[in-house]
């Protein structure tokens, strides 16, 4: 609208001033209108229409040059999101192989204390361990060198006679230079209503090398399997222990040798001592 009004004003001036018509004035350059871009995906008439005619030389409207038709922008296809690939893990460094734990070396068992040859135990028993008064245990007797004296006594004088005989054996061991190596023993080889016969023995470290006096001779203690019964009471009550032994053997149907062996763990000083301890050994046949 502004451009058409300006063209009409120029024509009016040209007819009013002929002298001035000889000098031509160049018309103003047509203003090009650039159409706005259409929204994506739609076609508008403005893109196909030509621009409005502009004023040509001589006052005639000039034909506007056709503008090229702008193709609509291509629709972009939706982008499909690609799964994110995890970054490749770095190869694990090889771990050093740990050696298996070293087990502590087993400690050797402490050595068993051996009895010194020069210092025998004067209180050692044939079984090598203390007995249980409330039970019977089976032991293995080991032979030992002994000083031996064979004697006999009545039942009334039995305890006194045994004590005197053991004292005799100790005195003979001292005279022969022998060392006592265990508790004194008595082997009862024969009994009757009047009394008993016995062999009193005193273990020593070695047999006597010289002649012995007072009826004492070298001998050896009994050896082999045996049942041990423990008497802990006055010597006058030892008959009750033998009754227990007899009942046990009959109940078990055990046949034994006729000889009974007494081992005096306590010294034979008092027949009425309630703590007198004696081991009684019987040997099955």
Protein backbone atom coordinates (compact mmCIF):
# COMPACT_ATOMS: atom_id res chain seq x y z
CA UNK A 1 0.00 0.00 0.00
CA UNK A 2 2.83 2.40 0.82
CA UNK A 3 4.55 1.60 -2.49
CA UNK A 4 1.41 2.21 -4.69
CA UNK A 5 0.81 5.58 -3.13
CA UNK A 6 4.35 6.70 -3.87
CA UNK A 7 4.04 5.74 -7.56
CA UNK A 8 0.85 7.87 -8.07
CA UNK A 9 2.58 10.92 -6.61
CA UNK A 10 5.40 10.68 -9.14
CA UNK A 11 2.92 10.61 -12.09
CA UNK A 12 1.21 13.76 -10.93
CA UNK A 13 4.47 15.71 -10.78
CA UNK A 14 5.45 14.58 -14.24
CA UNK A 15 2.32 16.16 -15.94
CA UNK A 16 2.50 19.36 -13.92
CA UNK A 17 6.12 20.20 -14.77
CA UNK A 18 6.79 19.45 -18.54
CA UNK A 19 10.19 21.13 -18.39
CA UNK A 20 11.24 19.01 -15.65
CA UNK A 21 10.05 15.93 -17.44
CA UNK A 22 13.10 16.03 -19.69
CA UNK A 23 15.23 15.20 -16.81
CA UNK A 24 14.23 11.83 -15.66
CA UNK A 25 14.55 10.82 -12.16
CA UNK A 26 15.25 7.20 -11.51
CA UNK A 27 12.43 5.56 -9.72
CA UNK A 28 13.11 4.14 -6.35
CA UNK A 29 14.27 0.61 -6.26
CA UNK A 30 11.60 -1.80 -5.56
CA UNK A 31 11.64 -3.17 -2.11
CA UNK A 32 11.82 -6.90 -2.02
CA UNK A 33 9.68 -8.59 0.46
CA UNK A 34 11.05 -11.89 1.75
CA UNK A 35 8.27 -14.17 2.80
CA UNK A 36 8.46 -15.74 6.23
CA UNK A 37 9.24 -19.38 6.35
CA UNK A 38 6.25 -21.59 6.79
CA UNK A 39 6.01 -23.90 9.79
CA UNK A 40 7.53 -27.29 9.18
CA UNK A 41 5.24 -29.72 7.41
CA UNK A 42 2.76 -27.05 6.03
CA UNK A 43 2.45 -25.30 2.66
CA UNK A 44 1.41 -21.63 2.49
CA UNK A 45 0.10 -19.56 -0.51
CA UNK A 46 2.71 -16.90 0.19
CA UNK A 47 5.43 -19.27 -0.91
CA UNK A 48 3.71 -19.76 -4.32
CA UNK A 49 2.57 -16.17 -4.99
CA UNK A 50 4.71 -13.61 -6.70
CA UNK A 51 5.74 -10.41 -5.00
CA UNK A 52 3.65 -7.28 -5.56
CA UNK A 53 4.52 -5.33 -8.76
CA UNK A 54 7.03 -2.55 -8.29
CA UNK A 55 7.22 0.83 -10.17
CA UNK A 56 9.16 0.42 -13.42
CA UNK A 57 10.88 3.14 -15.40
CA UNK A 58 8.31 5.58 -16.88
CA UNK A 59 5.80 5.05 -14.10
CA UNK A 60 4.59 1.61 -15.23
CA UNK A 61 4.37 -1.05 -12.71
CA UNK A 62 7.06 -3.64 -13.17
CA UNK A 63 6.43 -7.26 -13.10
CA UNK A 64 7.93 -8.81 -10.05
CA UNK A 65 10.31 -11.62 -10.75
CA UNK A 66 8.97 -14.93 -9.62
CA UNK A 67 10.60 -16.14 -6.43
CA UNK A 68 11.69 -19.68 -6.31
CA UNK A 69 9.43 -21.90 -4.32
CA UNK A 70 11.14 -23.01 -1.14
CA UNK A 71 10.52 -26.68 -0.54
CA UNK A 72 9.11 -27.49 2.85
CA UNK A 73 11.70 -28.71 5.29
CA UNK A 74 11.99 -32.44 5.45
CA UNK A 75 10.53 -34.03 8.47
CA UNK A 76 13.12 -35.57 10.68
CA UNK A 77 12.51 -39.15 11.54
CA UNK A 78 12.31 -39.82 15.27
CA UNK A 79 15.62 -40.80 16.68
CA UNK A 80 15.59 -44.20 18.26
CA UNK A 81 17.68 -44.09 21.41
CA UNK A 82 20.51 -46.56 21.24
CA UNK A 83 21.23 -48.59 24.32
CA UNK A 84 24.23 -47.34 26.11
CA UNK A 85 26.98 -49.89 25.82
CA UNK A 86 28.89 -50.26 29.04
CA UNK A 87 32.48 -49.44 28.79
CA UNK A 88 34.58 -52.57 28.52
CA UNK A 89 35.93 -53.50 31.87
CA UNK A 90 39.62 -53.41 32.20
CA UNK A 91 41.08 -56.88 32.51
CA UNK A 92 41.65 -57.73 36.12
CA UNK A 93 45.25 -57.85 37.10
CA UNK A 94 46.33 -61.35 38.08
CA UNK A 95 46.49 -61.67 41.82
CA UNK A 96 49.56 -63.30 43.27
CA UNK A 97 48.92 -66.83 44.44
CA UNK A 98 49.03 -66.94 48.19
CA UNK A 99 50.97 -69.91 49.54
CA UNK A 100 49.01 -72.19 51.86
CA UNK A 101 49.42 -71.35 55.52
CA UNK A 102 52.28 -73.12 57.13
CA UNK A 103 51.10 -75.37 59.89
CA UNK A 104 53.17 -75.28 63.02
CA UNK A 105 55.41 -78.26 63.37
CA UNK A 106 54.13 -80.69 65.96
CA UNK A 107 56.04 -80.36 69.14
CA UNK A 108 57.73 -83.57 70.16
CA UNK A 109 56.38 -85.17 73.26
CA UNK A 110 58.50 -84.54 76.31
CA UNK A 111 60.84 -87.40 76.92
CA UNK A 112 59.82 -89.84 79.57
CA UNK A 113 61.96 -89.48 82.59
CA UNK A 114 63.88 -92.68 82.95
CA UNK A 115 64.92 -93.87 86.35
CA UNK A 116 68.60 -93.29 86.85
CA UNK A 117 70.60 -96.47 87.24
CA UNK A 118 72.53 -95.14 90.22
CA UNK A 119 69.44 -93.87 92.11
CA UNK A 120 66.74 -96.56 92.22
CA UNK A 121 63.38 -95.73 93.82
CA UNK A 122 63.06 -97.51 97.14
CA UNK A 123 59.29 -96.88 97.14
CA UNK A 124 58.58 -98.27 93.67
CA UNK A 125 55.88 -100.94 93.46
CA UNK A 126 55.76 -103.96 91.14
CA UNK A 127 52.78 -102.53 89.22
CA UNK A 128 54.44 -99.13 88.85
CA UNK A 129 51.29 -97.24 89.81
CA UNK A 130 49.07 -96.74 92.82
CA UNK A 131 46.14 -99.08 93.22
CA UNK A 132 42.46 -98.28 93.85
CA UNK A 133 41.10 -99.75 97.10
CA UNK A 134 37.56 -99.83 95.66
CA UNK A 135 38.46 -101.75 92.50
CA UNK A 136 40.44 -104.65 91.11
CA UNK A 137 42.91 -104.01 88.32
CA UNK A 138 44.96 -106.29 86.14
CA UNK A 139 48.69 -105.54 86.05
CA UNK A 140 51.83 -106.99 84.55
CA UNK A 141 54.56 -107.86 87.01
CA UNK A 142 58.17 -107.34 85.95
CA UNK A 143 60.92 -109.47 87.46
CA UNK A 144 63.37 -107.68 89.74
CA UNK A 145 66.46 -108.94 91.53
CA UNK A 146 65.72 -109.44 95.22
CA UNK A 147 67.33 -110.56 98.43
CA UNK A 148 65.26 -113.52 99.65
CA UNK A 149 64.74 -115.19 103.03
CA UNK A 150 62.49 -118.25 103.53
CA UNK A 151 60.75 -118.55 106.92
CA UNK A 152 57.64 -119.56 108.79
CA UNK A 153 55.48 -118.15 111.57
CA UNK A 154 52.32 -118.71 113.55
CA UNK A 155 49.27 -116.58 112.88
CA UNK A 156 49.64 -114.82 116.20
CA UNK A 157 53.25 -113.88 115.54
CA UNK A 158 52.88 -113.39 111.79
CA UNK A 159 53.02 -109.56 111.67
CA UNK A 160 56.02 -109.38 114.04
CA UNK A 161 57.91 -112.11 112.19
CA UNK A 162 57.39 -110.39 108.82
CA UNK A 163 58.65 -107.07 110.20
CA UNK A 164 61.79 -108.68 111.66
CA UNK A 165 62.56 -110.52 108.42
CA UNK A 166 62.28 -107.34 106.32
CA UNK A 167 64.63 -105.55 108.72
CA UNK A 168 67.11 -108.44 108.30
CA UNK A 169 67.01 -108.11 104.51
CA UNK A 170 67.65 -104.36 104.68
CA UNK A 171 70.65 -104.88 106.91
CA UNK A 172 72.05 -107.52 104.54
CA UNK A 173 71.61 -105.19 101.56
CA UNK A 174 73.59 -102.48 103.35
CA UNK A 175 76.37 -104.96 104.22
CA UNK A 176 76.57 -106.09 100.56
CA UNK A 177 76.58 -102.52 99.23
CA UNK A 178 73.25 -102.91 97.46
CA UNK A 179 70.60 -100.22 97.05
CA UNK A 180 66.95 -100.90 97.78
CA UNK A 181 64.91 -100.65 94.53
CA UNK A 182 61.32 -101.21 95.69
CA UNK A 183 58.88 -102.04 98.45
CA UNK A 184 59.38 -105.31 100.46
CA UNK A 185 57.34 -108.40 99.57
CA UNK A 186 56.14 -111.66 101.11
CA UNK A 187 55.12 -114.69 99.06
CA UNK A 188 52.88 -117.06 101.06
CA UNK A 189 53.66 -120.50 99.73
CA UNK A 190 51.86 -122.66 102.31
CA UNK A 191 49.24 -122.14 105.03
CA UNK A 192 47.48 -124.28 107.66
CA UNK A 193 45.61 -123.81 110.91
CA UNK A 194 48.83 -123.28 112.89
CA UNK A 195 50.51 -120.74 110.70
CA UNK A 196 52.16 -120.13 107.29
CA UNK A 197 55.40 -120.49 105.36
CA UNK A 198 56.63 -117.51 103.41
CA UNK A 199 59.48 -116.09 101.32
CA UNK A 200 60.29 -112.50 102.27
CA UNK A 201 61.89 -110.46 99.43
CA UNK A 202 63.55 -107.07 99.20
CA UNK A 203 64.05 -105.62 95.65
CA UNK A 204 67.60 -104.35 95.04
CA UNK A 205 69.38 -102.64 92.18
CA UNK A 206 71.43 -105.75 91.29
CA UNK A 207 72.15 -109.24 92.60
CA UNK A 208 74.69 -109.48 95.38
CA UNK A 209 78.17 -110.26 94.10
CA UNK A 210 79.46 -111.46 97.49
CA UNK A 211 78.32 -114.26 99.77
CA UNK A 212 75.25 -113.43 101.82
CA UNK A 213 74.76 -114.36 105.49
CA UNK A 214 71.92 -115.19 107.89
CA UNK A 215 70.10 -117.43 105.40
CA UNK A 216 69.68 -114.63 102.84
CA UNK A 217 70.20 -115.47 99.17
CA UNK A 218 69.75 -113.89 95.75
CA UNK A 219 66.38 -114.35 94.08
CA UNK A 220 63.87 -112.87 91.67
CA UNK A 221 60.42 -111.42 92.22
CA UNK A 222 57.35 -113.03 90.57
CA UNK A 223 56.69 -112.07 86.97
CA UNK A 224 53.67 -112.15 84.65
CA UNK A 225 49.98 -111.26 84.65
CA UNK A 226 48.33 -110.67 88.01
CA UNK A 227 45.21 -109.25 89.66
CA UNK A 228 45.84 -106.61 92.30
CA UNK A 229 43.65 -106.01 95.37
CA UNK A 230 44.40 -103.14 97.74
CA UNK A 231 44.08 -103.49 101.54
CA UNK A 232 43.91 -100.19 103.45
CA UNK A 233 43.15 -101.05 107.08
CA UNK A 234 44.86 -102.54 110.15
CA UNK A 235 46.76 -105.74 109.52
CA UNK A 236 44.47 -107.60 111.89
CA UNK A 237 41.65 -107.03 109.37
CA UNK A 238 43.48 -108.45 106.38
CA UNK A 239 41.41 -111.65 106.59
CA UNK A 240 38.40 -109.62 105.31
CA UNK A 241 40.43 -108.63 102.22
CA UNK A 242 41.22 -112.29 101.50
CA UNK A 243 37.55 -113.18 101.83
CA UNK A 244 36.78 -110.49 99.21
CA UNK A 245 39.47 -111.95 96.93
CA UNK A 246 38.07 -115.48 97.24
CA UNK A 247 34.50 -114.33 96.47
CA UNK A 248 35.70 -112.37 93.42
CA UNK A 249 37.64 -115.32 91.99
CA UNK A 250 34.69 -117.67 92.47
CA UNK A 251 32.26 -115.24 90.84
CA UNK A 252 34.58 -114.79 87.84
CA UNK A 253 35.48 -118.48 87.77
CA UNK A 254 39.18 -117.64 87.82
CA UNK A 255 41.67 -120.32 88.83
CA UNK A 256 44.86 -118.91 90.36
CA UNK A 257 48.16 -120.18 91.68
CA UNK A 258 48.24 -121.27 95.29
CA UNK A 259 50.76 -118.59 96.26
CA UNK A 260 49.60 -115.11 97.32
CA UNK A 261 51.98 -112.16 97.14
CA UNK A 262 51.79 -109.24 99.58
CA UNK A 263 53.56 -105.94 98.85
CA UNK A 264 53.95 -103.62 101.84
CA UNK A 265 53.43 -100.06 100.62
CA UNK A 266 53.54 -98.92 104.27
CA UNK A 267 56.19 -99.96 106.76
CA UNK A 268 55.20 -102.82 109.08
CA UNK A 269 55.50 -100.93 112.36
CA UNK A 270 51.99 -100.98 113.84
CA UNK A 271 49.51 -103.82 113.18
CA UNK A 272 46.65 -101.57 114.29
CA UNK A 273 47.49 -98.69 111.88
CA UNK A 274 44.17 -97.85 110.08
CA UNK A 275 46.12 -96.39 107.14
CA UNK A 276 48.29 -99.44 106.60
CA UNK A 277 48.41 -100.08 102.83
CA UNK A 278 49.20 -103.48 101.34
CA UNK A 279 48.90 -104.67 97.71
CA UNK A 280 47.81 -108.29 97.38
CA UNK A 281 48.62 -109.95 94.04
CA UNK A 282 47.11 -113.21 92.79
CA UNK A 283 48.26 -114.79 89.54
CA UNK A 284 45.86 -116.73 87.30
CA UNK A 285 47.11 -120.10 86.08
